[in-house]
Amino acid sequence: MLTWQDIVARSESGNLAPPSRVEKTDQEWQAQLSEEAFRVTRQKGTERAFSSGMCTLFEPGRYGCTCCGTLLFDAHEKFDSGTGWPSFTQPAQDNAIAYHKDGSHGMTRIETTCATCDAHLGHVFPDGPPPSGLRFCMNAVALKKLD
């Protein structure tokens, strides 16, 4: 199980190698993504809280990166955080997500990106439910339901 200490260490010392790499130009991403998905995933934006029905979607399945389709989360790890963004306690694969220190907006956080294509997903916090205590707070527009 991934812990907060693991995440902090990766954000400071380096992330695990991704399963593969997808690299495209901004023009190629713009042609593929909606305006909002491009703003959030490629320009590190944040969607408005409670703007997606994905927050209240609790059915079996898996969630992937909206840009490259890499498996990121399983619905079994999804929970209602009350924050207005879909939240998970663990990634589906240990090397699916990369972690980066983020000092924007006057606070220190850990940004999560897709390890395969570098899409901004959201942030991870140490205030989730047991046993991991993690809350992966994701932009819904950065995720797509795979099945």
Protein backbone atom coordinates (compact mmCIF):
# COMPACT_ATOMS: atom_id res chain seq x y z
CA MET A 1 0.00 0.00 0.00
CA LEU A 2 1.30 3.42 -0.98
CA THR A 3 1.84 5.76 1.98
CA TRP A 4 2.22 9.51 2.40
CA GLN A 5 5.91 8.97 3.12
CA ASP A 6 6.29 7.12 -0.21
CA ILE A 7 4.64 9.99 -2.07
CA VAL A 8 6.77 12.66 -0.38
CA ALA A 9 9.92 10.63 -1.12
CA ARG A 10 9.00 10.28 -4.80
CA SER A 11 8.23 13.99 -5.09
CA GLU A 12 11.69 14.74 -3.70
CA SER A 13 13.84 11.95 -5.15
CA GLY A 14 12.14 10.87 -8.36
CA ASN A 15 9.21 8.82 -9.54
CA LEU A 16 9.00 5.23 -10.71
CA ALA A 17 9.40 4.58 -14.42
CA PRO A 18 6.01 4.73 -16.18
CA PRO A 19 4.51 1.73 -17.98
CA SER A 20 5.10 3.56 -21.30
CA ARG A 21 5.37 7.13 -22.62
CA VAL A 22 3.04 9.22 -24.80
CA GLU A 23 4.31 12.56 -26.01
CA LYS A 24 2.41 14.99 -28.24
CA THR A 25 2.63 18.65 -29.10
CA ASP A 26 0.20 21.16 -27.60
CA GLN A 27 -1.46 21.36 -31.01
CA GLU A 28 -1.98 17.59 -31.07
CA TRP A 29 -3.44 17.62 -27.52
CA GLN A 30 -5.74 20.54 -28.43
CA ALA A 31 -7.08 18.64 -31.45
CA GLN A 32 -7.81 15.60 -29.25
CA LEU A 33 -9.21 17.19 -26.07
CA SER A 34 -12.10 19.46 -25.18
CA GLU A 35 -11.17 23.03 -24.30
CA GLU A 36 -11.71 22.33 -20.58
CA ALA A 37 -9.78 19.04 -20.64
CA PHE A 38 -6.86 20.78 -22.37
CA ARG A 39 -6.89 23.65 -19.85
CA VAL A 40 -6.89 21.28 -16.88
CA THR A 41 -4.59 18.50 -18.08
CA ARG A 42 -2.08 20.35 -20.24
CA GLN A 43 -2.09 23.79 -18.55
CA LYS A 44 -2.44 22.62 -14.91
CA GLY A 45 -5.90 24.08 -14.45
CA THR A 46 -8.57 23.10 -11.93
CA GLU A 47 -12.19 22.47 -12.74
CA ARG A 48 -14.87 24.08 -10.60
CA ALA A 49 -15.80 22.04 -7.51
CA PHE A 50 -18.98 19.97 -7.86
CA SER A 51 -19.02 20.58 -11.64
CA SER A 52 -19.02 16.86 -12.49
CA GLY A 53 -21.39 14.01 -11.77
CA MET A 54 -18.33 11.79 -11.39
CA CYS A 55 -18.15 12.80 -7.71
CA THR A 56 -21.32 10.85 -6.98
CA LEU A 57 -20.63 7.98 -9.40
CA PHE A 58 -19.95 4.89 -7.30
CA GLU A 59 -20.18 1.86 -9.53
CA PRO A 60 -17.61 -0.83 -10.31
CA GLY A 61 -15.06 -0.01 -12.96
CA ARG A 62 -11.75 1.56 -13.70
CA TYR A 63 -10.68 5.12 -14.46
CA GLY A 64 -8.01 6.12 -16.94
CA CYS A 65 -6.24 9.26 -18.06
CA THR A 66 -8.47 11.26 -20.40
CA CYS A 67 -5.42 12.11 -22.53
CA CYS A 68 -3.70 8.75 -23.05
CA GLY A 69 -6.02 6.12 -21.53
CA THR A 70 -3.51 4.81 -18.96
CA LEU A 71 -5.24 3.00 -16.11
CA LEU A 72 -5.05 5.25 -13.03
CA PHE A 73 -7.67 4.18 -10.47
CA ASP A 74 -10.10 1.40 -9.62
CA ALA A 75 -13.58 2.30 -8.38
CA HIS A 76 -12.99 0.16 -5.27
CA GLU A 77 -10.61 2.91 -4.07
CA LYS A 78 -13.10 5.74 -4.72
CA PHE A 79 -14.79 7.54 -1.81
CA ASP A 80 -16.94 10.60 -1.17
CA SER A 81 -14.58 13.22 0.23
CA GLY A 82 -17.19 15.99 0.16
CA THR A 83 -14.68 18.24 -1.62
CA GLY A 84 -16.42 18.46 -4.99
CA TRP A 85 -13.81 16.42 -6.86
CA PRO A 86 -13.58 12.65 -7.36
CA SER A 87 -11.33 11.16 -4.66
CA PHE A 88 -9.44 7.89 -4.39
CA THR A 89 -7.27 6.27 -1.73
CA GLN A 90 -4.75 4.44 -3.96
CA PRO A 91 -3.72 4.38 -7.62
CA ALA A 92 -4.44 1.23 -9.64
CA GLN A 93 -0.75 0.74 -10.41
CA ASP A 94 2.22 1.91 -8.38
CA ASN A 95 3.88 3.54 -11.40
CA ALA A 96 0.79 5.08 -13.06
CA ILE A 97 1.05 8.43 -11.28
CA ALA A 98 3.99 10.79 -10.83
CA TYR A 99 4.31 13.17 -7.87
CA HIS A 100 5.68 16.73 -7.92
CA LYS A 101 6.04 19.38 -5.22
CA ASP A 102 3.70 22.29 -5.99
CA GLY A 103 4.19 25.63 -4.25
CA SER A 104 1.51 27.52 -6.18
CA HIS A 105 -1.34 29.46 -4.54
CA GLY A 106 0.71 30.19 -1.39
CA MET A 107 0.74 26.60 -0.11
CA THR A 108 2.83 23.47 -0.47
CA ARG A 109 1.02 20.53 -2.03
CA ILE A 110 1.90 17.47 -4.07
CA GLU A 111 0.66 17.55 -7.64
CA THR A 112 -0.29 14.30 -9.37
CA THR A 113 0.33 13.78 -13.06
CA CYS A 114 -0.16 10.84 -15.38
CA ALA A 115 3.26 9.17 -15.51
CA THR A 116 2.65 8.15 -19.13
CA CYS A 117 1.76 11.54 -20.69
CA ASP A 118 2.37 14.14 -17.93
CA ALA A 119 -1.30 15.20 -17.80
CA HIS A 120 -2.13 17.22 -14.68
CA LEU A 121 -4.65 15.17 -12.68
CA GLY A 122 -4.95 17.02 -9.37
CA HIS A 123 -3.25 16.71 -5.98
CA VAL A 124 -2.79 14.14 -3.24
CA PHE A 125 -3.25 14.90 0.46
CA PRO A 126 -2.61 12.96 3.71
CA ASP A 127 -6.18 13.44 5.00
CA GLY A 128 -7.98 10.47 3.45
CA PRO A 129 -9.67 7.52 5.13
CA PRO A 130 -7.86 4.55 6.68
CA PRO A 131 -5.95 2.45 6.06
CA SER A 132 -3.79 4.55 3.69
CA GLY A 133 -4.87 7.99 4.90
CA LEU A 134 -4.46 9.25 1.32
CA ARG A 135 -6.87 11.41 -0.68
CA PHE A 136 -6.12 11.60 -4.38
CA CYS A 137 -8.24 14.65 -5.26
CA MET A 138 -8.67 14.45 -9.04
CA ASN A 139 -10.17 16.71 -11.67
CA ALA A 140 -13.01 14.69 -13.20
CA VAL A 141 -12.23 16.06 -16.65
CA ALA A 142 -8.76 14.47 -16.36
CA LEU A 143 -10.34 11.02 -15.96
CA LYS A 144 -12.40 8.78 -18.17
CA LYS A 145 -14.32 5.66 -17.18
CA LEU A 146 -12.68 2.70 -18.91
CA ASP A 147 -15.29 0.05 -18.06
